[in-house]
Amino acid sequence: MSERKSINKYYPPDYDPSKVVKTKNRKVKKGHAAMPTIRLMTPFSMICLNCNEWISKSRKFNARKESTNETYLKMKIVKLHIRCPKCAQEIIFRTDPKSADFVMESGGKRAFDKENKNKVLKEETLEETLSRLEREEREAREKELAKDKKQTSLEELEKKLVDMKRQQDMNEEIDLLHKKTLRIQDSLEKQHELNEKLKMTQLERQKLQEDEDEKLAEKAFQKTRKKIFDAIEVEDDANSDHEEQQDTLPATSQQEDTVQSKDTATVSASDSDSDSDSDYDQPLNFMNKPKTQTAPQTLTLKRKTNSLGISIKKKLKN
């Protein structure tokens, strides 16, 4: 690869470069081909005279530059050749250093002639300028009215359709908002109903608990009442038995007193020695108790039971 890309060439020792014949194969360009090409932008807007193509200002072209012998204050005047982008007609314009502008020569015309307008303005009087301005305003109004009249029925229908679509969209949005408000109201009502149901259930539960508590209290009160009445009955039975025993022992009381007086010394000694004798003495002492000691106890128990019965009846009535 390096041999093929070698730049150096072999020159023999008897090489004489003066004997080499030089040939010129360059082709001489003539006409437009001899002119150099440059890239430029149009300095003003112009119109093609052949096809009436509008060429705007500052549009880019590949132009041919032609230097002339004309000068102004030692400044050369140059001609520029471009072609119309539609019909390929040649358009020529040149430089004008005197006015610091460009001048159109052939192939087209300026879309806006600045010099002619200035001349007209300078030649006009005040009255003419006023009349011209009024006329221009009138023409502009007439053009606007003509544009309004030119509006076809199809355009009007399109506008009406657009308005109808907007109204439909607005109505749909209103319906959606109305539905949302109804849903919100329904949800609030449901929540209110649920809260009321919860309150009612809580009150019912409280009432049930109170009823159960009252029932339990009545049951407990009845049990205590039965116990009290049973105790009273037992005491009454014991008192009745005691009275009967006292009635049967009037004759033997004197004999027992004599026996007791004799055995007092022995009983006192036996009390100190053992506890069994005291157990035998207790029923005797109980038997010898007078009636006056048992009567007040039974009366107090009866009074208590009567008061309890009255209070129980009042509570049951309530």
C-alpha atoms as a PDB file:
ATOM      1  CA  MET A   1       0.000   0.000   0.000  1.00  0.00           C
ATOM      2  CA  SER A   2       2.828   2.405   0.760  1.00  0.00           C
ATOM      3  CA  GLU A   3       4.353   1.836  -2.705  1.00  0.00           C
ATOM      4  CA  ARG A   4       1.153   2.859  -4.468  1.00  0.00           C
ATOM      5  CA  LYS A   5       0.753   5.973  -2.369  1.00  0.00           C
ATOM      6  CA  SER A   6       4.312   7.179  -2.868  1.00  0.00           C
ATOM      7  CA  ILE A   7       4.623  10.783  -3.968  1.00  0.00           C
ATOM      8  CA  ASN A   8       8.285  10.806  -4.979  1.00  0.00           C
ATOM      9  CA  LYS A   9       9.092   9.984  -8.593  1.00  0.00           C
ATOM     10  CA  TYR A  10      12.269   8.750 -10.279  1.00  0.00           C
ATOM     11  CA  TYR A  11      14.289  11.267 -12.264  1.00  0.00           C
ATOM     12  CA  PRO A  12      17.205   9.841 -14.331  1.00  0.00           C
ATOM     13  CA  PRO A  13      20.638  11.483 -14.124  1.00  0.00           C
ATOM     14  CA  ASP A  14      20.445  12.832 -17.698  1.00  0.00           C
ATOM     15  CA  TYR A  15      17.033  14.564 -17.098  1.00  0.00           C
ATOM     16  CA  ASP A  16      16.792  18.107 -18.556  1.00  0.00           C
ATOM     17  CA  PRO A  17      13.601  19.972 -17.590  1.00  0.00           C
ATOM     18  CA  SER A  18      14.146  22.621 -20.277  1.00  0.00           C
ATOM     19  CA  LYS A  19      13.523  20.072 -22.988  1.00  0.00           C
ATOM     20  CA  VAL A  20      10.057  19.223 -21.577  1.00  0.00           C
ATOM     21  CA  VAL A  21       7.239  20.645 -23.773  1.00  0.00           C
ATOM     22  CA  LYS A  22       4.511  22.430 -21.840  1.00  0.00           C
ATOM     23  CA  THR A  23       0.948  21.989 -23.136  1.00  0.00           C
ATOM     24  CA  LYS A  24      -2.056  24.185 -22.222  1.00  0.00           C
ATOM     25  CA  ASN A  25      -5.255  22.202 -22.050  1.00  0.00           C
ATOM     26  CA  ARG A  26      -7.293  24.951 -20.364  1.00  0.00           C
ATOM     27  CA  LYS A  27     -10.588  25.854 -22.015  1.00  0.00           C
ATOM     28  CA  VAL A  28     -11.202  29.526 -22.530  1.00  0.00           C
ATOM     29  CA  LYS A  29     -14.585  30.621 -21.114  1.00  0.00           C
ATOM     30  CA  LYS A  30     -16.585  33.153 -23.010  1.00  0.00           C
ATOM     31  CA  GLY A  31     -19.700  35.200 -22.301  1.00  0.00           C
ATOM     32  CA  HIS A  32     -21.523  34.492 -19.025  1.00  0.00           C
ATOM     33  CA  ALA A  33     -19.205  31.621 -18.244  1.00  0.00           C
ATOM     34  CA  ALA A  34     -16.301  34.021 -18.045  1.00  0.00           C
ATOM     35  CA  MET A  35     -18.077  36.086 -15.371  1.00  0.00           C
ATOM     36  CA  PRO A  36     -17.400  35.129 -11.764  1.00  0.00           C
ATOM     37  CA  THR A  37     -20.357  33.822  -9.718  1.00  0.00           C
ATOM     38  CA  ILE A  38     -21.249  35.324  -6.385  1.00  0.00           C
ATOM     39  CA  ARG A  39     -23.923  34.688  -3.756  1.00  0.00           C
ATOM     40  CA  LEU A  40     -26.156  37.687  -3.060  1.00  0.00           C
ATOM     41  CA  MET A  41     -29.547  38.759  -1.754  1.00  0.00           C
ATOM     42  CA  THR A  42     -31.861  40.974  -3.768  1.00  0.00           C
ATOM     43  CA  PRO A  43     -31.611  44.586  -2.517  1.00  0.00           C
ATOM     44  CA  PHE A  44     -35.296  45.357  -3.231  1.00  0.00           C
ATOM     45  CA  SER A  45     -38.478  43.583  -4.170  1.00  0.00           C
ATOM     46  CA  MET A  46     -39.034  43.185  -7.928  1.00  0.00           C
ATOM     47  CA  ILE A  47     -41.446  41.730 -10.461  1.00  0.00           C
ATOM     48  CA  CYS A  48     -40.487  39.701 -13.520  1.00  0.00           C
ATOM     49  CA  LEU A  49     -41.740  41.277 -16.777  1.00  0.00           C
ATOM     50  CA  ASN A  50     -42.204  37.920 -18.495  1.00  0.00           C
ATOM     51  CA  CYS A  51     -44.234  35.900 -15.967  1.00  0.00           C
ATOM     52  CA  ASN A  52     -45.082  38.558 -13.323  1.00  0.00           C
ATOM     53  CA  GLU A  53     -43.311  36.520 -10.649  1.00  0.00           C
ATOM     54  CA  TRP A  54     -42.920  38.343  -7.345  1.00  0.00           C
ATOM     55  CA  ILE A  55     -39.354  38.269  -6.054  1.00  0.00           C
ATOM     56  CA  SER A  56     -39.177  39.493  -2.502  1.00  0.00           C
ATOM     57  CA  LYS A  57     -36.446  41.521  -0.937  1.00  0.00           C
ATOM     58  CA  SER A  58     -33.383  39.752   0.517  1.00  0.00           C
ATOM     59  CA  ARG A  59     -33.998  36.573  -1.489  1.00  0.00           C
ATOM     60  CA  LYS A  60     -30.799  34.618  -2.184  1.00  0.00           C
ATOM     61  CA  PHE A  61     -29.481  34.002  -5.707  1.00  0.00           C
ATOM     62  CA  ASN A  62     -26.357  32.757  -7.464  1.00  0.00           C
ATOM     63  CA  ALA A  63     -25.542  35.836  -9.571  1.00  0.00           C
ATOM     64  CA  ARG A  64     -22.954  36.643 -12.264  1.00  0.00           C
ATOM     65  CA  LYS A  65     -20.806  39.678 -11.630  1.00  0.00           C
ATOM     66  CA  GLU A  66     -19.960  41.883 -14.647  1.00  0.00           C
ATOM     67  CA  SER A  67     -17.451  44.681 -14.170  1.00  0.00           C
ATOM     68  CA  THR A  68     -17.937  47.739 -16.414  1.00  0.00           C
ATOM     69  CA  ASN A  69     -15.697  50.626 -17.423  1.00  0.00           C
ATOM     70  CA  GLU A  70     -18.056  53.184 -15.906  1.00  0.00           C
ATOM     71  CA  THR A  71     -17.016  54.866 -12.653  1.00  0.00           C
ATOM     72  CA  TYR A  72     -18.323  57.425 -10.231  1.00  0.00           C
ATOM     73  CA  LEU A  73     -15.723  59.232  -8.121  1.00  0.00           C
ATOM     74  CA  LYS A  74     -13.285  56.426  -8.931  1.00  0.00           C
ATOM     75  CA  MET A  75     -15.823  53.815  -7.825  1.00  0.00           C
ATOM     76  CA  LYS A  76     -16.571  51.077 -10.329  1.00  0.00           C
ATOM     77  CA  ILE A  77     -20.112  50.362 -11.377  1.00  0.00           C
ATOM     78  CA  VAL A  78     -20.960  46.643 -11.383  1.00  0.00           C
ATOM     79  CA  LYS A  79     -23.763  44.832 -13.118  1.00  0.00           C
ATOM     80  CA  LEU A  80     -25.403  41.783 -11.579  1.00  0.00           C
ATOM     81  CA  HIS A  81     -27.207  39.103 -13.600  1.00  0.00           C
ATOM     82  CA  ILE A  82     -29.806  36.805 -12.009  1.00  0.00           C
ATOM     83  CA  ARG A  83     -32.523  34.566 -13.417  1.00  0.00           C
ATOM     84  CA  CYS A  84     -36.207  34.430 -12.589  1.00  0.00           C
ATOM     85  CA  PRO A  85     -36.942  31.339 -10.438  1.00  0.00           C
ATOM     86  CA  LYS A  86     -40.135  30.620 -12.423  1.00  0.00           C
ATOM     87  CA  CYS A  87     -39.366  31.321 -16.123  1.00  0.00           C
ATOM     88  CA  ALA A  88     -35.519  31.571 -16.005  1.00  0.00           C
ATOM     89  CA  GLN A  89     -35.534  34.996 -17.680  1.00  0.00           C
ATOM     90  CA  GLU A  90     -32.414  37.074 -17.096  1.00  0.00           C
ATOM     91  CA  ILE A  91     -32.825  40.079 -14.824  1.00  0.00           C
ATOM     92  CA  ILE A  92     -30.072  42.696 -14.714  1.00  0.00           C
ATOM     93  CA  PHE A  93     -29.553  45.465 -12.181  1.00  0.00           C
ATOM     94  CA  ARG A  94     -26.489  47.583 -11.407  1.00  0.00           C
ATOM     95  CA  THR A  95     -25.000  49.596  -8.599  1.00  0.00           C
ATOM     96  CA  ASP A  96     -25.599  53.344  -8.272  1.00  0.00           C
ATOM     97  CA  PRO A  97     -23.041  54.889  -5.921  1.00  0.00           C
ATOM     98  CA  LYS A  98     -24.457  58.367  -6.467  1.00  0.00           C
ATOM     99  CA  SER A  99     -27.788  57.488  -4.769  1.00  0.00           C
ATOM    100  CA  ALA A 100     -26.312  54.662  -2.648  1.00  0.00           C
ATOM    101  CA  ASP A 101     -28.835  52.285  -4.184  1.00  0.00           C
ATOM    102  CA  PHE A 102     -29.356  49.852  -7.083  1.00  0.00           C
ATOM    103  CA  VAL A 103     -30.959  50.572 -10.449  1.00  0.00           C
ATOM    104  CA  MET A 104     -32.976  48.079 -12.488  1.00  0.00           C
ATOM    105  CA  GLU A 105     -31.810  47.783 -16.146  1.00  0.00           C
ATOM    106  CA  SER A 106     -33.698  44.965 -17.873  1.00  0.00           C
ATOM    107  CA  GLY A 107     -35.832  41.892 -17.303  1.00  0.00           C
ATOM    108  CA  GLY A 108     -37.852  43.254 -14.405  1.00  0.00           C
ATOM    109  CA  LYS A 109     -39.165  46.260 -12.548  1.00  0.00           C
ATOM    110  CA  ARG A 110     -39.141  47.455  -8.999  1.00  0.00           C
ATOM    111  CA  ALA A 111     -42.239  46.695  -7.013  1.00  0.00           C
ATOM    112  CA  PHE A 112     -41.941  49.975  -5.160  1.00  0.00           C
ATOM    113  CA  ASP A 113     -40.397  53.020  -6.836  1.00  0.00           C
ATOM    114  CA  LYS A 114     -39.094  55.306  -4.146  1.00  0.00           C
ATOM    115  CA  GLU A 115     -37.935  58.168  -6.405  1.00  0.00           C
ATOM    116  CA  ASN A 116     -41.223  58.571  -8.294  1.00  0.00           C
ATOM    117  CA  LYS A 117     -43.198  58.696  -5.056  1.00  0.00           C
ATOM    118  CA  ASN A 118     -40.977  61.381  -3.624  1.00  0.00           C
ATOM    119  CA  LYS A 119     -41.382  63.433  -6.805  1.00  0.00           C
ATOM    120  CA  VAL A 120     -45.176  63.177  -6.620  1.00  0.00           C
ATOM    121  CA  LEU A 121     -45.193  64.210  -2.991  1.00  0.00           C
ATOM    122  CA  LYS A 122     -43.000  67.224  -3.736  1.00  0.00           C
ATOM    123  CA  GLU A 123     -45.144  68.368  -6.652  1.00  0.00           C
ATOM    124  CA  GLU A 124     -48.479  67.998  -4.747  1.00  0.00           C
ATOM    125  CA  THR A 125     -50.122  70.881  -2.907  1.00  0.00           C
ATOM    126  CA  LEU A 126     -51.851  70.671   0.456  1.00  0.00           C
ATOM    127  CA  GLU A 127     -55.323  70.442  -1.064  1.00  0.00           C
ATOM    128  CA  GLU A 128     -54.202  67.701  -3.423  1.00  0.00           C
ATOM    129  CA  THR A 129     -52.607  65.712  -0.609  1.00  0.00           C
ATOM    130  CA  LEU A 130     -55.810  66.027   1.469  1.00  0.00           C
ATOM    131  CA  SER A 131     -57.969  64.931  -1.417  1.00  0.00           C
ATOM    132  CA  ARG A 132     -55.617  62.031  -2.157  1.00  0.00           C
ATOM    133  CA  LEU A 133     -55.655  60.857   1.451  1.00  0.00           C
ATOM    134  CA  GLU A 134     -59.466  61.044   1.556  1.00  0.00           C
ATOM    135  CA  ARG A 135     -59.673  59.069  -1.642  1.00  0.00           C
ATOM    136  CA  GLU A 136     -57.335  56.417  -0.270  1.00  0.00           C
ATOM    137  CA  GLU A 137     -59.390  56.133   2.892  1.00  0.00           C
ATOM    138  CA  ARG A 138     -62.571  55.809   0.865  1.00  0.00           C
ATOM    139  CA  GLU A 139     -61.035  53.105  -1.272  1.00  0.00           C
ATOM    140  CA  ALA A 140     -59.857  51.205   1.810  1.00  0.00           C
ATOM    141  CA  ARG A 141     -63.390  51.316   3.269  1.00  0.00           C
ATOM    142  CA  GLU A 142     -64.896  50.127   0.014  1.00  0.00           C
ATOM    143  CA  LYS A 143     -62.446  47.233  -0.076  1.00  0.00           C
ATOM    144  CA  GLU A 144     -63.394  46.209   3.449  1.00  0.00           C
ATOM    145  CA  LEU A 145     -67.107  46.333   2.597  1.00  0.00           C
ATOM    146  CA  ALA A 146     -66.491  44.288  -0.538  1.00  0.00           C
ATOM    147  CA  LYS A 147     -64.653  41.681   1.544  1.00  0.00           C
ATOM    148  CA  ASP A 148     -67.578  41.513   3.945  1.00  0.00           C
ATOM    149  CA  LYS A 149     -70.031  41.073   1.067  1.00  0.00           C
ATOM    150  CA  LYS A 150     -67.905  38.370  -0.504  1.00  0.00           C
ATOM    151  CA  GLN A 151     -68.397  36.124   2.466  1.00  0.00           C
ATOM    152  CA  THR A 152     -70.335  33.182   1.105  1.00  0.00           C
ATOM    153  CA  SER A 153     -73.159  31.311   2.740  1.00  0.00           C
ATOM    154  CA  LEU A 154     -70.807  28.406   3.406  1.00  0.00           C
ATOM    155  CA  GLU A 155     -68.618  30.547   5.637  1.00  0.00           C
ATOM    156  CA  GLU A 156     -71.676  31.749   7.518  1.00  0.00           C
ATOM    157  CA  LEU A 157     -72.827  28.165   7.944  1.00  0.00           C
ATOM    158  CA  GLU A 158     -69.387  27.191   9.232  1.00  0.00           C
ATOM    159  CA  LYS A 159     -69.541  29.962  11.795  1.00  0.00           C
ATOM    160  CA  LYS A 160     -72.990  28.845  12.882  1.00  0.00           C
ATOM    161  CA  LEU A 161     -71.797  25.263  13.195  1.00  0.00           C
ATOM    162  CA  VAL A 162     -68.865  26.367  15.323  1.00  0.00           C
ATOM    163  CA  ASP A 163     -71.233  28.305  17.586  1.00  0.00           C
ATOM    164  CA  MET A 164     -73.533  25.283  17.863  1.00  0.00           C
ATOM    165  CA  LYS A 165     -70.619  23.067  18.841  1.00  0.00           C
ATOM    166  CA  ARG A 166     -69.556  25.516  21.514  1.00  0.00           C
ATOM    167  CA  GLN A 167     -73.089  25.640  22.902  1.00  0.00           C
ATOM    168  CA  GLN A 168     -73.274  21.844  22.946  1.00  0.00           C
ATOM    169  CA  ASP A 169     -69.970  21.618  24.782  1.00  0.00           C
ATOM    170  CA  MET A 170     -71.160  24.155  27.331  1.00  0.00           C
ATOM    171  CA  ASN A 171     -74.427  22.254  27.853  1.00  0.00           C
ATOM    172  CA  GLU A 172     -72.541  18.989  28.340  1.00  0.00           C
ATOM    173  CA  GLU A 173     -70.265  20.602  30.922  1.00  0.00           C
ATOM    174  CA  ILE A 174     -73.310  22.010  32.746  1.00  0.00           C
ATOM    175  CA  ASP A 175     -74.954  18.565  32.782  1.00  0.00           C
ATOM    176  CA  LEU A 176     -71.810  16.984  34.185  1.00  0.00           C
ATOM    177  CA  LEU A 177     -71.599  19.583  36.936  1.00  0.00           C
ATOM    178  CA  HIS A 178     -75.295  19.067  37.775  1.00  0.00           C
ATOM    179  CA  LYS A 179     -74.801  15.300  38.019  1.00  0.00           C
ATOM    180  CA  LYS A 180     -71.781  15.780  40.260  1.00  0.00           C
ATOM    181  CA  THR A 181     -73.758  18.035  42.595  1.00  0.00           C
ATOM    182  CA  LEU A 182     -76.586  15.482  42.769  1.00  0.00           C
ATOM    183  CA  ARG A 183     -74.130  12.711  43.607  1.00  0.00           C
ATOM    184  CA  ILE A 184     -72.588  14.810  46.340  1.00  0.00           C
ATOM    185  CA  GLN A 185     -76.023  15.594  47.810  1.00  0.00           C
ATOM    186  CA  ASP A 186     -77.009  11.906  47.750  1.00  0.00           C
ATOM    187  CA  SER A 187     -73.803  10.924  49.485  1.00  0.00           C
ATOM    188  CA  LEU A 188     -74.351  13.569  52.174  1.00  0.00           C
ATOM    189  CA  GLU A 189     -77.925  12.385  52.755  1.00  0.00           C
ATOM    190  CA  LYS A 190     -76.770   8.788  53.034  1.00  0.00           C
ATOM    191  CA  GLN A 191     -74.114   9.768  55.539  1.00  0.00           C
ATOM    192  CA  HIS A 192     -76.731  11.661  57.579  1.00  0.00           C
ATOM    193  CA  GLU A 193     -79.028   8.626  57.572  1.00  0.00           C
ATOM    194  CA  LEU A 194     -76.219   6.326  58.637  1.00  0.00           C
ATOM    195  CA  ASN A 195     -75.298   8.653  61.492  1.00  0.00           C
ATOM    196  CA  GLU A 196     -78.924   8.706  62.653  1.00  0.00           C
ATOM    197  CA  LYS A 197     -79.127   4.909  62.492  1.00  0.00           C
ATOM    198  CA  LEU A 198     -75.944   4.618  64.515  1.00  0.00           C
ATOM    199  CA  LYS A 199     -77.350   6.982  67.120  1.00  0.00           C
ATOM    200  CA  MET A 200     -80.591   4.966  67.304  1.00  0.00           C
ATOM    201  CA  THR A 201     -78.712   1.709  67.658  1.00  0.00           C
ATOM    202  CA  GLN A 202     -76.594   3.183  70.421  1.00  0.00           C
ATOM    203  CA  LEU A 203     -79.727   4.365  72.281  1.00  0.00           C
ATOM    204  CA  GLU A 204     -81.365   0.960  71.863  1.00  0.00           C
ATOM    205  CA  ARG A 205     -78.264  -0.741  73.184  1.00  0.00           C
ATOM    206  CA  GLN A 206     -78.233   1.561  76.178  1.00  0.00           C
ATOM    207  CA  LYS A 207     -81.911   0.816  76.852  1.00  0.00           C
ATOM    208  CA  LEU A 208     -81.321  -2.926  76.578  1.00  0.00           C
ATOM    209  CA  GLN A 209     -78.388  -2.692  78.960  1.00  0.00           C
ATOM    210  CA  GLU A 210     -80.476  -0.684  81.433  1.00  0.00           C
ATOM    211  CA  ASP A 211     -83.305  -3.247  81.228  1.00  0.00           C
ATOM    212  CA  GLU A 212     -80.876  -6.102  81.778  1.00  0.00           C
ATOM    213  CA  ASP A 213     -79.332  -4.284  84.743  1.00  0.00           C
ATOM    214  CA  GLU A 214     -82.797  -3.709  86.256  1.00  0.00           C
ATOM    215  CA  LYS A 215     -83.683  -7.369  85.804  1.00  0.00           C
ATOM    216  CA  LEU A 216     -80.448  -8.484  87.429  1.00  0.00           C
ATOM    217  CA  ALA A 217     -80.997  -6.041  90.285  1.00  0.00           C
ATOM    218  CA  GLU A 218     -84.551  -7.342  90.817  1.00  0.00           C
ATOM    219  CA  LYS A 219     -83.318 -10.936  90.820  1.00  0.00           C
ATOM    220  CA  ALA A 220     -80.591 -10.096  93.335  1.00  0.00           C
ATOM    221  CA  PHE A 221     -83.086  -8.145  95.452  1.00  0.00           C
ATOM    222  CA  GLN A 222     -85.543 -11.045  95.436  1.00  0.00           C
ATOM    223  CA  LYS A 223     -82.796 -13.448  96.491  1.00  0.00           C
ATOM    224  CA  THR A 224     -81.800 -11.221  99.382  1.00  0.00           C
ATOM    225  CA  ARG A 225     -85.446 -10.807 100.317  1.00  0.00           C
ATOM    226  CA  LYS A 226     -85.944 -14.583 100.392  1.00  0.00           C
ATOM    227  CA  LYS A 227     -82.858 -14.973 102.532  1.00  0.00           C
ATOM    228  CA  ILE A 228     -84.144 -12.360 104.968  1.00  0.00           C
ATOM    229  CA  PHE A 229     -87.590 -13.938 105.183  1.00  0.00           C
ATOM    230  CA  ASP A 230     -86.056 -17.380 105.694  1.00  0.00           C
ATOM    231  CA  ALA A 231     -83.860 -16.054 108.498  1.00  0.00           C
ATOM    232  CA  ILE A 232     -86.906 -14.389 110.123  1.00  0.00           C
ATOM    233  CA  GLU A 233     -88.923 -17.605 109.920  1.00  0.00           C
ATOM    234  CA  VAL A 234     -86.058 -19.569 111.462  1.00  0.00           C
ATOM    235  CA  GLU A 235     -85.823 -17.080 114.320  1.00  0.00           C
ATOM    236  CA  ASP A 236     -89.569 -17.175 114.873  1.00  0.00           C
ATOM    237  CA  ASP A 237     -89.491 -20.972 115.029  1.00  0.00           C
ATOM    238  CA  ALA A 238     -86.611 -20.891 117.493  1.00  0.00           C
ATOM    239  CA  ASN A 239     -88.409 -18.353 119.699  1.00  0.00           C
ATOM    240  CA  SER A 240     -91.601 -20.418 119.652  1.00  0.00           C
ATOM    241  CA  ASP A 241     -89.677 -23.566 120.650  1.00  0.00           C
ATOM    242  CA  HIS A 242     -87.932 -21.680 123.429  1.00  0.00           C
ATOM    243  CA  GLU A 243     -91.252 -20.432 124.820  1.00  0.00           C
ATOM    244  CA  GLU A 244     -92.689 -23.941 124.815  1.00  0.00           C
ATOM    245  CA  GLN A 245     -89.649 -25.279 126.673  1.00  0.00           C
ATOM    246  CA  GLN A 246     -89.962 -22.550 129.288  1.00  0.00           C
ATOM    247  CA  ASP A 247     -93.626 -23.403 129.743  1.00  0.00           C
ATOM    248  CA  THR A 248     -92.827 -27.086 130.431  1.00  0.00           C
ATOM    249  CA  LEU A 249     -90.046 -26.384 133.006  1.00  0.00           C
ATOM    250  CA  PRO A 250     -91.714 -24.386 135.860  1.00  0.00           C
ATOM    251  CA  ALA A 251     -91.795 -27.316 138.305  1.00  0.00           C
ATOM    252  CA  THR A 252     -88.238 -28.432 137.890  1.00  0.00           C
ATOM    253  CA  SER A 253     -86.671 -24.934 138.072  1.00  0.00           C
ATOM    254  CA  GLN A 254     -86.250 -25.040 141.898  1.00  0.00           C
ATOM    255  CA  GLN A 255     -84.549 -28.413 141.790  1.00  0.00           C
ATOM    256  CA  GLU A 256     -82.133 -27.219 139.168  1.00  0.00           C
ATOM    257  CA  ASP A 257     -81.329 -24.129 141.244  1.00  0.00           C
ATOM    258  CA  THR A 258     -80.353 -26.276 144.202  1.00  0.00           C
ATOM    259  CA  VAL A 259     -78.247 -28.502 141.976  1.00  0.00           C
ATOM    260  CA  GLN A 260     -76.552 -25.516 140.467  1.00  0.00           C
ATOM    261  CA  SER A 261     -75.723 -24.014 143.921  1.00  0.00           C
ATOM    262  CA  LYS A 262     -74.112 -27.252 144.955  1.00  0.00           C
ATOM    263  CA  ASP A 263     -72.107 -27.679 141.815  1.00  0.00           C
ATOM    264  CA  THR A 264     -70.844 -24.076 141.477  1.00  0.00           C
ATOM    265  CA  ALA A 265     -67.480 -24.925 143.018  1.00  0.00           C
ATOM    266  CA  THR A 266     -66.979 -27.925 140.818  1.00  0.00           C
ATOM    267  CA  VAL A 267     -68.075 -26.017 137.696  1.00  0.00           C
ATOM    268  CA  SER A 268     -65.597 -23.206 138.389  1.00  0.00           C
ATOM    269  CA  ALA A 269     -62.715 -25.674 138.805  1.00  0.00           C
ATOM    270  CA  SER A 270     -63.705 -27.629 135.744  1.00  0.00           C
ATOM    271  CA  ASP A 271     -63.871 -24.388 133.655  1.00  0.00           C
ATOM    272  CA  SER A 272     -60.233 -23.673 134.413  1.00  0.00           C
ATOM    273  CA  ASP A 273     -59.076 -27.205 133.594  1.00  0.00           C
ATOM    274  CA  SER A 274     -60.943 -28.002 130.363  1.00  0.00           C
ATOM    275  CA  ASP A 275     -63.138 -26.437 127.731  1.00  0.00           C
ATOM    276  CA  SER A 276     -65.527 -29.345 127.414  1.00  0.00           C
ATOM    277  CA  ASP A 277     -67.391 -28.405 130.626  1.00  0.00           C
ATOM    278  CA  SER A 278     -68.037 -24.893 129.316  1.00  0.00           C
ATOM    279  CA  ASP A 279     -69.663 -26.402 126.262  1.00  0.00           C
ATOM    280  CA  TYR A 280     -72.100 -28.245 128.472  1.00  0.00           C
ATOM    281  CA  ASP A 281     -72.831 -25.121 130.507  1.00  0.00           C
ATOM    282  CA  GLN A 282     -73.740 -22.980 127.466  1.00  0.00           C
ATOM    283  CA  PRO A 283     -77.122 -24.622 126.714  1.00  0.00           C
ATOM    284  CA  LEU A 284     -78.110 -24.306 130.330  1.00  0.00           C
ATOM    285  CA  ASN A 285     -77.329 -20.601 130.364  1.00  0.00           C
ATOM    286  CA  PHE A 286     -79.241 -20.178 127.084  1.00  0.00           C
ATOM    287  CA  MET A 287     -82.212 -22.000 128.537  1.00  0.00           C
ATOM    288  CA  ASN A 288     -82.164 -19.870 131.694  1.00  0.00           C
ATOM    289  CA  LYS A 289     -82.282 -16.557 129.688  1.00  0.00           C
ATOM    290  CA  PRO A 290     -85.454 -14.556 130.263  1.00  0.00           C
ATOM    291  CA  LYS A 291     -88.009 -13.760 127.578  1.00  0.00           C
ATOM    292  CA  THR A 292     -87.217 -10.063 127.689  1.00  0.00           C
ATOM    293  CA  GLN A 293     -83.885 -10.662 125.954  1.00  0.00           C
ATOM    294  CA  THR A 294     -85.324 -12.401 122.834  1.00  0.00           C
ATOM    295  CA  ALA A 295     -88.413 -10.240 122.334  1.00  0.00           C
ATOM    296  CA  PRO A 296     -86.680  -6.965 121.277  1.00  0.00           C
ATOM    297  CA  GLN A 297     -84.514  -8.811 118.718  1.00  0.00           C
ATOM    298  CA  THR A 298     -87.541 -10.303 117.011  1.00  0.00           C
ATOM    299  CA  LEU A 299     -89.287  -6.928 116.968  1.00  0.00           C
ATOM    300  CA  THR A 300     -86.352  -5.201 115.343  1.00  0.00           C
ATOM    301  CA  LEU A 301     -86.085  -7.949 112.680  1.00  0.00           C
ATOM    302  CA  LYS A 302     -89.806  -7.656 111.921  1.00  0.00           C
ATOM    303  CA  ARG A 303     -89.558  -3.913 111.583  1.00  0.00           C
ATOM    304  CA  LYS A 304     -86.597  -4.236 109.198  1.00  0.00           C
ATOM    305  CA  THR A 305     -88.414  -6.785 107.050  1.00  0.00           C
ATOM    306  CA  ASN A 306     -91.531  -4.587 106.902  1.00  0.00           C
ATOM    307  CA  SER A 307     -89.473  -1.576 105.839  1.00  0.00           C
ATOM    308  CA  LEU A 308     -87.651  -3.672 103.204  1.00  0.00           C
ATOM    309  CA  GLY A 309     -90.937  -5.030 101.872  1.00  0.00           C
ATOM    310  CA  ILE A 310     -92.388  -1.517 101.581  1.00  0.00           C
ATOM    311  CA  SER A 311     -89.307  -0.238  99.733  1.00  0.00           C
ATOM    312  CA  ILE A 312     -89.349  -3.273  97.395  1.00  0.00           C
ATOM    313  CA  LYS A 313     -93.018  -2.679  96.535  1.00  0.00           C
ATOM    314  CA  LYS A 314     -92.346   1.000  95.755  1.00  0.00           C
ATOM    315  CA  LYS A 315     -89.477   0.105  93.444  1.00  0.00           C
ATOM    316  CA  LEU A 316     -91.529  -2.543  91.663  1.00  0.00           C
ATOM    317  CA  LYS A 317     -94.365  -0.036  91.157  1.00  0.00           C
ATOM    318  CA  ASN A 318     -91.970   2.548  89.787  1.00  0.00           C
END
